[in-house]
Amino acid sequence: MSLASSGPSVELAAALVELATVTDSNRKKSVKFRIFLVIENDTLEGVKANWKWVAGVLVSVLVTFYSYPPHGLGWLMFVGLVPVFIAMETAPTWKAAAFRTWVYVFLGNSAICFWVAYSVHEFAHLPWALSYPAIAVLSFAEQGSWPVLAALRHLLHKKYGVRPIFWTPLALLFLDVVWPKFFPNTMGNVFYQIPWLCQLADVTGVWGLTAL
């Protein structure tokens, strides 16, 4: 076949390829748009369904921040933990309970340990752009004992009917001991500034304050 005779065929093939490309592109855009609408609707529904526990966790984070040194308002912790425990109890699954609690400890630990960024910048000579992410790295698993506790509470209470109020303090104490952490005795560091509670440490040590 000569080049002249193949000209119209080549043009027709090129046109068909271009049409197929445009059609495929439009199809992909349409699919992406439908996926976006589904995600958006799911997100809105998720916000409506989850705003209560999210708000509760944020309240607990705020109160926890002011409970820790240097603010010295450790007694607030008795109130501040209530919303996060409600979030645990109302979680539909043990995974949801663990996730909700992880959000609390991640945000709370990040707020409390804000000074880590300065320390990393000052002593490790890292730029600020890397020093602040170090807080997130530290907080990702630093308080991992809490999500484990939340999962255990949900499984033992919902599945086996074991009331959590009796064994939760001991479980938290045990997990706080065995969980690898940079800063142990988390709860004990809160309560030692309360005079009528810190005297308990003479008998039980700081671990007794953590069990409270």
N, C-alpha and C. Protein backbone atom coordinates (compact mmCIF):
# COMPACT_ATOMS: atom_id res chain seq x y z
N MET A 1 0.86 -1.19 0.00
CA MET A 1 0.00 0.00 0.00
C MET A 1 0.89 1.23 0.00
N SER A 2 0.57 2.17 -0.85
CA SER A 2 1.37 3.39 -0.95
C SER A 2 1.08 4.31 0.21
N LEU A 3 1.99 5.27 0.46
CA LEU A 3 1.83 6.23 1.55
C LEU A 3 0.65 7.14 1.33
N ALA A 4 0.41 7.48 0.01
CA ALA A 4 -0.70 8.39 -0.31
C ALA A 4 -2.03 7.74 0.00
N SER A 5 -2.13 6.44 -0.32
CA SER A 5 -3.41 5.76 -0.09
C SER A 5 -3.67 5.49 1.37
N SER A 6 -2.58 5.49 2.17
CA SER A 6 -2.78 5.20 3.59
C SER A 6 -3.07 6.44 4.40
N GLY A 7 -3.01 7.61 3.77
CA GLY A 7 -3.21 8.85 4.51
C GLY A 7 -4.55 8.93 5.22
N PRO A 8 -5.69 8.78 4.52
CA PRO A 8 -7.01 8.86 5.18
C PRO A 8 -7.17 7.83 6.28
N SER A 9 -6.64 6.64 6.08
CA SER A 9 -6.76 5.61 7.10
C SER A 9 -6.02 5.99 8.37
N VAL A 10 -4.81 6.57 8.17
CA VAL A 10 -4.03 7.01 9.33
C VAL A 10 -4.75 8.10 10.08
N GLU A 11 -5.34 9.06 9.34
CA GLU A 11 -6.07 10.16 9.97
C GLU A 11 -7.29 9.63 10.73
N LEU A 12 -8.00 8.67 10.11
CA LEU A 12 -9.17 8.08 10.75
C LEU A 12 -8.78 7.35 12.04
N ALA A 13 -7.68 6.61 11.97
CA ALA A 13 -7.21 5.88 13.16
C ALA A 13 -6.82 6.85 14.26
N ALA A 14 -6.14 7.94 13.86
CA ALA A 14 -5.73 8.94 14.85
C ALA A 14 -6.95 9.58 15.50
N ALA A 15 -7.98 9.84 14.69
CA ALA A 15 -9.20 10.45 15.22
C ALA A 15 -9.91 9.51 16.19
N LEU A 16 -9.94 8.21 15.82
CA LEU A 16 -10.56 7.23 16.72
C LEU A 16 -9.81 7.11 18.04
N VAL A 17 -8.47 7.12 17.97
CA VAL A 17 -7.66 7.06 19.18
C VAL A 17 -7.92 8.28 20.05
N GLU A 18 -7.98 9.47 19.41
CA GLU A 18 -8.24 10.70 20.17
C GLU A 18 -9.61 10.66 20.83
N LEU A 19 -10.62 10.16 20.07
CA LEU A 19 -11.97 10.05 20.62
C LEU A 19 -12.00 9.09 21.79
N ALA A 20 -11.30 7.96 21.65
CA ALA A 20 -11.26 6.97 22.74
C ALA A 20 -10.57 7.55 23.97
N THR A 21 -9.50 8.35 23.71
CA THR A 21 -8.77 8.97 24.82
C THR A 21 -9.65 9.95 25.57
N VAL A 22 -10.38 10.79 24.81
CA VAL A 22 -11.29 11.77 25.43
C VAL A 22 -12.39 11.08 26.20
N THR A 23 -12.96 10.01 25.57
CA THR A 23 -14.03 9.26 26.25
C THR A 23 -13.52 8.63 27.53
N ASP A 24 -12.33 8.02 27.43
CA ASP A 24 -11.74 7.38 28.61
C ASP A 24 -11.44 8.42 29.69
N SER A 25 -10.95 9.58 29.27
CA SER A 25 -10.65 10.65 30.22
C SER A 25 -11.92 11.13 30.91
N ASN A 26 -12.98 11.31 30.12
CA ASN A 26 -14.26 11.75 30.70
C ASN A 26 -14.81 10.70 31.65
N ARG A 27 -14.65 9.41 31.25
CA ARG A 27 -15.13 8.33 32.11
C ARG A 27 -14.39 8.34 33.44
N LYS A 28 -13.07 8.53 33.38
CA LYS A 28 -12.28 8.59 34.61
C LYS A 28 -12.68 9.77 35.47
N LYS A 29 -12.90 10.92 34.83
CA LYS A 29 -13.34 12.10 35.58
C LYS A 29 -14.69 11.84 36.24
N SER A 30 -15.58 11.17 35.50
CA SER A 30 -16.90 10.87 36.04
C SER A 30 -16.79 9.93 37.24
N VAL A 31 -15.92 8.89 37.10
CA VAL A 31 -15.73 7.95 38.20
C VAL A 31 -15.13 8.65 39.40
N LYS A 32 -14.12 9.50 39.15
CA LYS A 32 -13.48 10.23 40.23
C LYS A 32 -14.48 11.15 40.93
N PHE A 33 -15.37 11.78 40.15
CA PHE A 33 -16.35 12.67 40.73
C PHE A 33 -17.33 11.91 41.61
N ARG A 34 -17.76 10.71 41.12
CA ARG A 34 -18.67 9.89 41.92
C ARG A 34 -17.99 9.42 43.20
N ILE A 35 -16.71 9.04 43.09
CA ILE A 35 -15.97 8.61 44.28
C ILE A 35 -15.86 9.77 45.27
N PHE A 36 -15.60 10.97 44.73
CA PHE A 36 -15.50 12.16 45.59
C PHE A 36 -16.81 12.41 46.33
N LEU A 37 -17.94 12.26 45.61
CA LEU A 37 -19.23 12.48 46.25
C LEU A 37 -19.48 11.45 47.34
N VAL A 38 -19.11 10.19 47.07
CA VAL A 38 -19.30 9.13 48.07
C VAL A 38 -18.45 9.43 49.31
N ILE A 39 -17.17 9.78 49.08
CA ILE A 39 -16.27 10.09 50.20
C ILE A 39 -16.79 11.28 50.98
N GLU A 40 -17.25 12.30 50.25
CA GLU A 40 -17.75 13.51 50.91
C GLU A 40 -18.98 13.18 51.76
N ASN A 41 -19.89 12.39 51.20
CA ASN A 41 -21.09 12.01 51.95
C ASN A 41 -20.73 11.17 53.17
N ASP A 42 -19.80 10.22 52.95
CA ASP A 42 -19.36 9.39 54.08
C ASP A 42 -18.68 10.23 55.15
N THR A 43 -17.90 11.23 54.72
CA THR A 43 -17.22 12.10 55.66
C THR A 43 -18.22 12.90 56.48
N LEU A 44 -19.23 13.46 55.80
CA LEU A 44 -20.25 14.23 56.50
C LEU A 44 -21.02 13.35 57.48
N GLU A 45 -21.36 12.14 57.03
CA GLU A 45 -22.05 11.22 57.92
C GLU A 45 -21.15 10.82 59.09
N GLY A 46 -19.87 10.65 58.78
CA GLY A 46 -18.92 10.32 59.83
C GLY A 46 -18.79 11.41 60.86
N VAL A 47 -18.78 12.66 60.39
CA VAL A 47 -18.70 13.79 61.32
C VAL A 47 -19.94 13.84 62.21
N LYS A 48 -21.10 13.63 61.59
CA LYS A 48 -22.34 13.65 62.36
C LYS A 48 -22.37 12.55 63.41
N ALA A 49 -21.84 11.38 63.04
CA ALA A 49 -21.89 10.23 63.94
C ALA A 49 -20.81 10.28 65.01
N ASN A 50 -19.71 10.97 64.74
CA ASN A 50 -18.55 10.89 65.62
C ASN A 50 -18.23 12.18 66.37
N TRP A 51 -19.00 13.24 66.16
CA TRP A 51 -18.61 14.52 66.74
C TRP A 51 -18.61 14.48 68.27
N LYS A 52 -19.45 13.65 68.86
CA LYS A 52 -19.53 13.61 70.32
C LYS A 52 -18.24 13.07 70.94
N TRP A 53 -17.77 11.92 70.42
CA TRP A 53 -16.55 11.38 71.01
C TRP A 53 -15.34 12.22 70.64
N VAL A 54 -15.34 12.82 69.45
CA VAL A 54 -14.24 13.70 69.07
C VAL A 54 -14.19 14.91 70.00
N ALA A 55 -15.34 15.52 70.25
CA ALA A 55 -15.39 16.66 71.16
C ALA A 55 -14.95 16.26 72.56
N GLY A 56 -15.41 15.08 73.02
CA GLY A 56 -15.02 14.61 74.35
C GLY A 56 -13.52 14.39 74.46
N VAL A 57 -12.94 13.79 73.43
CA VAL A 57 -11.50 13.55 73.44
C VAL A 57 -10.73 14.87 73.46
N LEU A 58 -11.19 15.85 72.70
CA LEU A 58 -10.52 17.15 72.68
C LEU A 58 -10.60 17.84 74.03
N VAL A 59 -11.74 17.70 74.70
CA VAL A 59 -11.86 18.26 76.06
C VAL A 59 -10.88 17.58 76.99
N SER A 60 -10.77 16.26 76.90
CA SER A 60 -9.82 15.53 77.74
C SER A 60 -8.38 15.95 77.46
N VAL A 61 -8.06 16.19 76.20
CA VAL A 61 -6.71 16.64 75.84
C VAL A 61 -6.43 17.99 76.48
N LEU A 62 -7.38 18.90 76.40
CA LEU A 62 -7.19 20.25 76.96
C LEU A 62 -7.01 20.19 78.48
N VAL A 63 -7.87 19.44 79.15
CA VAL A 63 -7.77 19.34 80.60
C VAL A 63 -6.49 18.63 81.02
N THR A 64 -6.12 17.59 80.27
CA THR A 64 -4.87 16.87 80.57
C THR A 64 -3.67 17.79 80.46
N PHE A 65 -3.65 18.63 79.45
CA PHE A 65 -2.54 19.57 79.25
C PHE A 65 -2.35 20.45 80.49
N TYR A 66 -3.43 20.97 81.04
CA TYR A 66 -3.33 21.85 82.20
C TYR A 66 -3.16 21.08 83.51
N SER A 67 -3.34 19.76 83.45
CA SER A 67 -3.13 18.95 84.65
C SER A 67 -1.65 18.70 84.90
N TYR A 68 -0.87 18.71 83.85
CA TYR A 68 0.55 18.38 83.95
C TYR A 68 1.38 19.60 84.34
N PRO A 69 2.56 19.35 84.93
CA PRO A 69 3.49 20.45 85.18
C PRO A 69 3.80 21.16 83.85
N PRO A 70 4.03 22.47 83.88
CA PRO A 70 4.22 23.31 85.08
C PRO A 70 2.95 23.94 85.61
N HIS A 71 1.79 23.56 85.08
CA HIS A 71 0.55 24.22 85.49
C HIS A 71 0.12 23.83 86.90
N GLY A 72 0.45 22.58 87.30
CA GLY A 72 0.19 22.17 88.66
C GLY A 72 -1.26 22.00 89.03
N LEU A 73 -2.09 21.65 88.08
CA LEU A 73 -3.51 21.47 88.36
C LEU A 73 -3.86 19.98 88.23
N GLY A 74 -3.09 19.15 88.92
CA GLY A 74 -3.25 17.71 88.80
C GLY A 74 -4.62 17.20 89.15
N TRP A 75 -5.31 17.90 90.06
CA TRP A 75 -6.64 17.46 90.47
C TRP A 75 -7.63 17.48 89.30
N LEU A 76 -7.32 18.28 88.25
CA LEU A 76 -8.20 18.32 87.08
C LEU A 76 -8.26 16.99 86.34
N MET A 77 -7.22 16.16 86.53
CA MET A 77 -7.17 14.90 85.80
C MET A 77 -8.33 13.99 86.16
N PHE A 78 -8.82 14.08 87.40
CA PHE A 78 -9.96 13.25 87.80
C PHE A 78 -11.20 13.58 86.98
N VAL A 79 -11.28 14.83 86.53
CA VAL A 79 -12.41 15.26 85.69
C VAL A 79 -12.08 15.08 84.21
N GLY A 80 -10.82 15.36 83.87
CA GLY A 80 -10.42 15.35 82.47
C GLY A 80 -10.49 14.00 81.80
N LEU A 81 -10.36 12.93 82.58
CA LEU A 81 -10.39 11.59 82.00
C LEU A 81 -11.81 11.09 81.72
N VAL A 82 -12.81 11.76 82.29
CA VAL A 82 -14.18 11.29 82.13
C VAL A 82 -14.61 11.24 80.66
N PRO A 83 -14.40 12.31 79.86
CA PRO A 83 -14.85 12.23 78.45
C PRO A 83 -14.18 11.12 77.65
N VAL A 84 -12.88 10.89 77.88
CA VAL A 84 -12.21 9.85 77.09
C VAL A 84 -12.68 8.46 77.51
N PHE A 85 -13.02 8.28 78.78
CA PHE A 85 -13.56 6.98 79.20
C PHE A 85 -14.97 6.78 78.65
N ILE A 86 -15.73 7.86 78.52
CA ILE A 86 -17.04 7.76 77.88
C ILE A 86 -16.87 7.37 76.41
N ALA A 87 -15.86 7.95 75.76
CA ALA A 87 -15.58 7.59 74.36
C ALA A 87 -15.22 6.12 74.24
N MET A 88 -14.49 5.59 75.22
CA MET A 88 -14.18 4.15 75.22
C MET A 88 -15.45 3.31 75.33
N GLU A 89 -16.28 3.69 76.29
CA GLU A 89 -17.46 2.88 76.59
C GLU A 89 -18.48 2.89 75.45
N THR A 90 -18.55 3.99 74.71
CA THR A 90 -19.56 4.10 73.65
C THR A 90 -19.03 3.64 72.30
N ALA A 91 -17.80 3.19 72.24
CA ALA A 91 -17.23 2.71 70.98
C ALA A 91 -17.94 1.43 70.54
N PRO A 92 -18.24 1.28 69.25
CA PRO A 92 -18.96 0.08 68.79
C PRO A 92 -18.12 -1.19 68.78
N THR A 93 -16.81 -1.04 68.62
CA THR A 93 -15.92 -2.20 68.58
C THR A 93 -14.68 -1.92 69.42
N TRP A 94 -13.91 -2.98 69.69
CA TRP A 94 -12.69 -2.78 70.46
C TRP A 94 -11.66 -1.99 69.66
N LYS A 95 -11.70 -2.13 68.33
CA LYS A 95 -10.79 -1.35 67.50
C LYS A 95 -11.12 0.13 67.57
N ALA A 96 -12.42 0.45 67.56
CA ALA A 96 -12.83 1.84 67.67
C ALA A 96 -12.45 2.41 69.04
N ALA A 97 -12.62 1.60 70.08
CA ALA A 97 -12.24 2.05 71.43
C ALA A 97 -10.74 2.33 71.49
N ALA A 98 -9.94 1.45 70.91
CA ALA A 98 -8.49 1.65 70.91
C ALA A 98 -8.11 2.88 70.09
N PHE A 99 -8.77 3.08 68.95
CA PHE A 99 -8.44 4.22 68.10
C PHE A 99 -8.80 5.54 68.79
N ARG A 100 -9.98 5.60 69.38
CA ARG A 100 -10.39 6.82 70.07
C ARG A 100 -9.42 7.18 71.19
N THR A 101 -8.99 6.16 71.91
CA THR A 101 -8.06 6.39 73.00
C THR A 101 -6.69 6.78 72.47
N TRP A 102 -6.30 6.19 71.35
CA TRP A 102 -5.01 6.56 70.75
C TRP A 102 -5.02 8.03 70.33
N VAL A 103 -6.12 8.49 69.77
CA VAL A 103 -6.23 9.91 69.38
C VAL A 103 -6.01 10.79 70.61
N TYR A 104 -6.61 10.40 71.73
CA TYR A 104 -6.46 11.17 72.97
C TYR A 104 -5.00 11.22 73.42
N VAL A 105 -4.34 10.06 73.50
CA VAL A 105 -2.97 10.05 74.02
C VAL A 105 -2.00 10.68 73.03
N PHE A 106 -2.26 10.53 71.73
CA PHE A 106 -1.37 11.13 70.74
C PHE A 106 -1.42 12.65 70.83
N LEU A 107 -2.63 13.20 70.82
CA LEU A 107 -2.76 14.65 70.90
C LEU A 107 -2.31 15.18 72.26
N GLY A 108 -2.70 14.45 73.32
CA GLY A 108 -2.31 14.89 74.66
C GLY A 108 -0.82 14.87 74.85
N ASN A 109 -0.17 13.80 74.45
CA ASN A 109 1.27 13.70 74.61
C ASN A 109 2.00 14.74 73.75
N SER A 110 1.46 15.01 72.57
CA SER A 110 2.05 16.02 71.70
C SER A 110 1.97 17.40 72.33
N ALA A 111 0.84 17.68 72.99
CA ALA A 111 0.68 18.99 73.64
C ALA A 111 1.58 19.11 74.87
N ILE A 112 1.65 18.04 75.66
CA ILE A 112 2.45 18.08 76.88
C ILE A 112 3.94 18.15 76.57
N CYS A 113 4.37 17.46 75.54
CA CYS A 113 5.80 17.36 75.20
C CYS A 113 6.20 18.34 74.12
N PHE A 114 5.57 19.49 74.06
CA PHE A 114 5.92 20.48 73.05
C PHE A 114 7.37 20.92 73.18
N TRP A 115 7.92 20.83 74.39
CA TRP A 115 9.29 21.26 74.64
C TRP A 115 10.32 20.34 73.96
N VAL A 116 9.87 19.15 73.52
CA VAL A 116 10.79 18.22 72.86
C VAL A 116 11.37 18.86 71.59
N ALA A 117 10.55 19.64 70.88
CA ALA A 117 11.03 20.27 69.66
C ALA A 117 12.21 21.18 69.95
N TYR A 118 12.13 21.96 71.01
CA TYR A 118 13.24 22.84 71.38
C TYR A 118 14.48 22.04 71.75
N SER A 119 14.27 20.97 72.51
CA SER A 119 15.41 20.15 72.94
C SER A 119 16.12 19.51 71.75
N VAL A 120 15.33 18.97 70.82
CA VAL A 120 15.92 18.35 69.63
C VAL A 120 16.65 19.38 68.79
N HIS A 121 16.06 20.56 68.66
CA HIS A 121 16.69 21.63 67.89
C HIS A 121 17.98 22.10 68.55
N GLU A 122 17.96 22.22 69.87
CA GLU A 122 19.10 22.76 70.61
C GLU A 122 20.26 21.77 70.71
N PHE A 123 19.96 20.52 71.02
CA PHE A 123 21.02 19.56 71.32
C PHE A 123 21.36 18.64 70.14
N ALA A 124 20.37 18.34 69.29
CA ALA A 124 20.65 17.51 68.12
C ALA A 124 20.94 18.36 66.89
N HIS A 125 20.74 19.69 67.02
CA HIS A 125 21.03 20.64 65.94
C HIS A 125 20.23 20.34 64.68
N LEU A 126 19.02 19.86 64.87
CA LEU A 126 18.13 19.66 63.74
C LEU A 126 17.39 20.96 63.44
N PRO A 127 17.06 21.22 62.18
CA PRO A 127 16.26 22.42 61.87
C PRO A 127 14.87 22.31 62.47
N TRP A 128 14.23 23.45 62.64
CA TRP A 128 12.90 23.46 63.25
C TRP A 128 11.91 22.61 62.45
N ALA A 129 12.11 22.57 61.13
CA ALA A 129 11.20 21.79 60.27
C ALA A 129 11.22 20.31 60.60
N LEU A 130 12.33 19.84 61.19
CA LEU A 130 12.43 18.44 61.59
C LEU A 130 12.23 18.26 63.10
N SER A 131 12.42 19.32 63.85
CA SER A 131 12.29 19.23 65.31
C SER A 131 10.84 19.05 65.74
N TYR A 132 9.94 19.77 65.11
CA TYR A 132 8.54 19.65 65.49
C TYR A 132 7.93 18.30 65.12
N PRO A 133 8.25 17.73 63.93
CA PRO A 133 7.77 16.36 63.67
C PRO A 133 8.29 15.34 64.66
N ALA A 134 9.40 15.65 65.34
CA ALA A 134 9.92 14.72 66.34
C ALA A 134 8.91 14.51 67.47
N ILE A 135 8.09 15.52 67.74
CA ILE A 135 7.05 15.39 68.76
C ILE A 135 6.04 14.32 68.34
N ALA A 136 5.66 14.35 67.07
CA ALA A 136 4.70 13.36 66.56
C ALA A 136 5.29 11.96 66.59
N VAL A 137 6.59 11.86 66.25
CA VAL A 137 7.25 10.55 66.29
C VAL A 137 7.26 10.01 67.71
N LEU A 138 7.57 10.89 68.68
CA LEU A 138 7.57 10.48 70.08
C LEU A 138 6.19 10.07 70.55
N SER A 139 5.18 10.84 70.16
CA SER A 139 3.83 10.65 70.68
C SER A 139 3.08 9.51 70.01
N PHE A 140 3.59 9.03 68.87
CA PHE A 140 2.87 8.00 68.11
C PHE A 140 2.63 6.75 68.96
N ALA A 141 3.64 6.32 69.72
CA ALA A 141 3.51 5.08 70.49
C ALA A 141 3.91 5.24 71.95
N GLU A 142 4.24 6.47 72.37
CA GLU A 142 4.72 6.68 73.73
C GLU A 142 3.70 6.21 74.78
N GLN A 143 2.43 6.50 74.53
CA GLN A 143 1.38 6.13 75.48
C GLN A 143 0.52 5.00 74.91
N GLY A 144 1.16 4.07 74.24
CA GLY A 144 0.42 2.96 73.62
C GLY A 144 -0.28 2.05 74.60
N SER A 145 0.08 2.13 75.87
CA SER A 145 -0.59 1.30 76.87
C SER A 145 -2.07 1.67 77.01
N TRP A 146 -2.40 2.92 76.73
CA TRP A 146 -3.81 3.34 76.85
C TRP A 146 -4.71 2.71 75.80
N PRO A 147 -4.35 2.72 74.52
CA PRO A 147 -5.19 2.01 73.54
C PRO A 147 -5.32 0.52 73.84
N VAL A 148 -4.24 -0.09 74.34
CA VAL A 148 -4.33 -1.50 74.72
C VAL A 148 -5.34 -1.68 75.85
N LEU A 149 -5.28 -0.78 76.82
CA LEU A 149 -6.25 -0.83 77.92
C LEU A 149 -7.67 -0.67 77.41
N ALA A 150 -7.88 0.26 76.48
CA ALA A 150 -9.22 0.49 75.93
C ALA A 150 -9.75 -0.75 75.22
N ALA A 151 -8.89 -1.42 74.46
CA ALA A 151 -9.30 -2.64 73.76
C ALA A 151 -9.66 -3.73 74.76
N LEU A 152 -8.85 -3.89 75.81
CA LEU A 152 -9.13 -4.90 76.83
C LEU A 152 -10.44 -4.60 77.56
N ARG A 153 -10.66 -3.34 77.89
CA ARG A 153 -11.90 -2.96 78.57
C ARG A 153 -13.11 -3.33 77.72
N HIS A 154 -13.03 -3.02 76.43
CA HIS A 154 -14.17 -3.28 75.55
C HIS A 154 -14.43 -4.77 75.41
N LEU A 155 -13.37 -5.54 75.20
CA LEU A 155 -13.55 -6.98 75.01
C LEU A 155 -14.06 -7.66 76.28
N LEU A 156 -13.45 -7.34 77.41
CA LEU A 156 -13.84 -8.01 78.66
C LEU A 156 -15.22 -7.58 79.13
N HIS A 157 -15.54 -6.31 78.90
CA HIS A 157 -16.83 -5.81 79.38
C HIS A 157 -17.97 -6.22 78.45
N LYS A 158 -17.81 -5.92 77.15
CA LYS A 158 -18.90 -6.16 76.20
C LYS A 158 -19.09 -7.64 75.89
N LYS A 159 -17.98 -8.38 75.82
CA LYS A 159 -18.07 -9.77 75.40
C LYS A 159 -18.25 -10.73 76.56
N TYR A 160 -17.57 -10.43 77.69
CA TYR A 160 -17.59 -11.37 78.80
C TYR A 160 -18.28 -10.81 80.05
N GLY A 161 -18.71 -9.56 79.99
CA GLY A 161 -19.46 -8.99 81.10
C GLY A 161 -18.64 -8.68 82.34
N VAL A 162 -17.32 -8.54 82.19
CA VAL A 162 -16.46 -8.23 83.33
C VAL A 162 -16.45 -6.72 83.53
N ARG A 163 -16.90 -6.29 84.70
CA ARG A 163 -16.96 -4.87 85.00
C ARG A 163 -15.56 -4.27 85.05
N PRO A 164 -15.30 -3.18 84.29
CA PRO A 164 -13.94 -2.66 84.21
C PRO A 164 -13.50 -1.83 85.40
N ILE A 165 -14.44 -1.38 86.22
CA ILE A 165 -14.08 -0.45 87.29
C ILE A 165 -13.15 -1.10 88.32
N PHE A 166 -13.21 -2.41 88.47
CA PHE A 166 -12.43 -3.07 89.51
C PHE A 166 -10.99 -3.36 89.07
N TRP A 167 -10.77 -3.66 87.80
CA TRP A 167 -9.45 -4.06 87.37
C TRP A 167 -8.73 -3.04 86.51
N THR A 168 -9.41 -1.97 86.08
CA THR A 168 -8.79 -0.96 85.21
C THR A 168 -7.55 -0.33 85.84
N PRO A 169 -7.59 0.11 87.11
CA PRO A 169 -6.38 0.73 87.69
C PRO A 169 -5.17 -0.20 87.68
N LEU A 170 -5.39 -1.48 88.04
CA LEU A 170 -4.28 -2.43 88.06
C LEU A 170 -3.77 -2.71 86.65
N ALA A 171 -4.69 -2.80 85.70
CA ALA A 171 -4.29 -3.03 84.31
C ALA A 171 -3.47 -1.86 83.78
N LEU A 172 -3.92 -0.64 84.08
CA LEU A 172 -3.19 0.54 83.64
C LEU A 172 -1.81 0.59 84.27
N LEU A 173 -1.74 0.25 85.56
CA LEU A 173 -0.45 0.22 86.24
C LEU A 173 0.48 -0.81 85.59
N PHE A 174 -0.02 -2.02 85.35
CA PHE A 174 0.80 -3.07 84.75
C PHE A 174 1.28 -2.66 83.36
N LEU A 175 0.37 -2.14 82.54
CA LEU A 175 0.73 -1.74 81.18
C LEU A 175 1.71 -0.58 81.18
N ASP A 176 1.57 0.32 82.15
CA ASP A 176 2.49 1.45 82.24
C ASP A 176 3.89 0.98 82.61
N VAL A 177 3.96 -0.12 83.36
CA VAL A 177 5.26 -0.66 83.76
C VAL A 177 5.94 -1.36 82.59
N VAL A 178 5.19 -2.17 81.85
CA VAL A 178 5.80 -3.01 80.82
C VAL A 178 5.92 -2.29 79.47
N TRP A 179 5.15 -1.24 79.25
CA TRP A 179 5.20 -0.57 77.96
C TRP A 179 6.48 0.26 77.85
N PRO A 180 7.25 0.08 76.78
CA PRO A 180 8.50 0.86 76.62
C PRO A 180 8.19 2.34 76.38
N LYS A 181 8.71 3.19 77.26
CA LYS A 181 8.39 4.62 77.20
C LYS A 181 9.64 5.43 77.52
N PHE A 182 9.69 6.63 76.97
CA PHE A 182 10.75 7.57 77.35
C PHE A 182 10.48 8.18 78.71
N PHE A 183 9.20 8.40 79.01
CA PHE A 183 8.81 9.06 80.26
C PHE A 183 7.82 8.17 81.01
N PRO A 184 8.30 7.32 81.92
CA PRO A 184 7.41 6.43 82.67
C PRO A 184 6.64 7.18 83.76
N ASN A 185 5.80 6.44 84.48
CA ASN A 185 5.02 7.00 85.60
C ASN A 185 4.18 8.19 85.15
N THR A 186 3.50 8.04 84.04
CA THR A 186 2.79 9.17 83.44
C THR A 186 1.80 9.81 84.40
N MET A 187 0.90 9.01 84.95
CA MET A 187 -0.11 9.56 85.84
C MET A 187 0.49 9.97 87.19
N GLY A 188 1.49 9.24 87.62
CA GLY A 188 2.15 9.60 88.87
C GLY A 188 2.77 10.99 88.82
N ASN A 189 3.25 11.38 87.64
CA ASN A 189 3.83 12.71 87.49
C ASN A 189 2.78 13.81 87.61
N VAL A 190 1.53 13.46 87.43
CA VAL A 190 0.44 14.43 87.57
C VAL A 190 0.08 14.62 89.05
N PHE A 191 -0.06 13.50 89.75
CA PHE A 191 -0.61 13.54 91.10
C PHE A 191 0.40 13.88 92.20
N TYR A 192 1.70 13.88 91.85
CA TYR A 192 2.67 14.11 92.92
C TYR A 192 2.60 15.53 93.44
N GLN A 193 2.00 16.47 92.67
CA GLN A 193 1.90 17.85 93.12
C GLN A 193 0.68 18.09 94.00
N ILE A 194 -0.13 17.07 94.21
CA ILE A 194 -1.28 17.20 95.11
C ILE A 194 -0.84 16.70 96.48
N PRO A 195 -0.71 17.59 97.47
CA PRO A 195 -0.11 17.21 98.77
C PRO A 195 -0.76 16.00 99.42
N TRP A 196 -2.08 15.93 99.44
CA TRP A 196 -2.74 14.84 100.16
C TRP A 196 -2.69 13.53 99.39
N LEU A 197 -2.25 13.58 98.12
CA LEU A 197 -2.07 12.35 97.35
C LEU A 197 -0.61 11.91 97.29
N CYS A 198 0.30 12.89 97.22
CA CYS A 198 1.71 12.52 97.08
C CYS A 198 2.23 11.79 98.31
N GLN A 199 1.55 11.94 99.46
CA GLN A 199 1.96 11.20 100.65
C GLN A 199 1.76 9.69 100.47
N LEU A 200 0.86 9.33 99.58
CA LEU A 200 0.65 7.92 99.30
C LEU A 200 1.90 7.28 98.71
N ALA A 201 2.71 8.10 98.04
CA ALA A 201 3.93 7.58 97.42
C ALA A 201 4.92 7.06 98.46
N ASP A 202 4.81 7.52 99.72
CA ASP A 202 5.68 6.99 100.77
C ASP A 202 5.41 5.51 101.01
N VAL A 203 4.21 5.08 100.72
CA VAL A 203 3.82 3.69 100.96
C VAL A 203 3.92 2.86 99.68
N THR A 204 3.38 3.39 98.59
CA THR A 204 3.27 2.62 97.36
C THR A 204 4.30 3.00 96.30
N GLY A 205 5.00 4.11 96.52
CA GLY A 205 5.87 4.62 95.47
C GLY A 205 5.04 5.36 94.43
N VAL A 206 5.72 5.89 93.40
CA VAL A 206 5.02 6.65 92.39
C VAL A 206 4.05 5.78 91.59
N TRP A 207 4.30 4.46 91.57
CA TRP A 207 3.42 3.56 90.84
C TRP A 207 2.02 3.54 91.47
N GLY A 208 1.95 3.74 92.77
CA GLY A 208 0.65 3.81 93.43
C GLY A 208 -0.15 4.99 92.96
N LEU A 209 0.54 6.10 92.69
CA LEU A 209 -0.16 7.28 92.15
C LEU A 209 -0.63 7.02 90.73
N THR A 210 0.15 6.26 89.97
CA THR A 210 -0.28 5.92 88.61
C THR A 210 -1.54 5.06 88.64
N ALA A 211 -1.62 4.15 89.60
CA ALA A 211 -2.79 3.25 89.70
C ALA A 211 -4.06 4.01 90.04
N LEU A 212 -3.93 5.20 90.63
CA LEU A 212 -5.13 5.97 90.93
C LEU A 212 -5.89 6.35 89.66
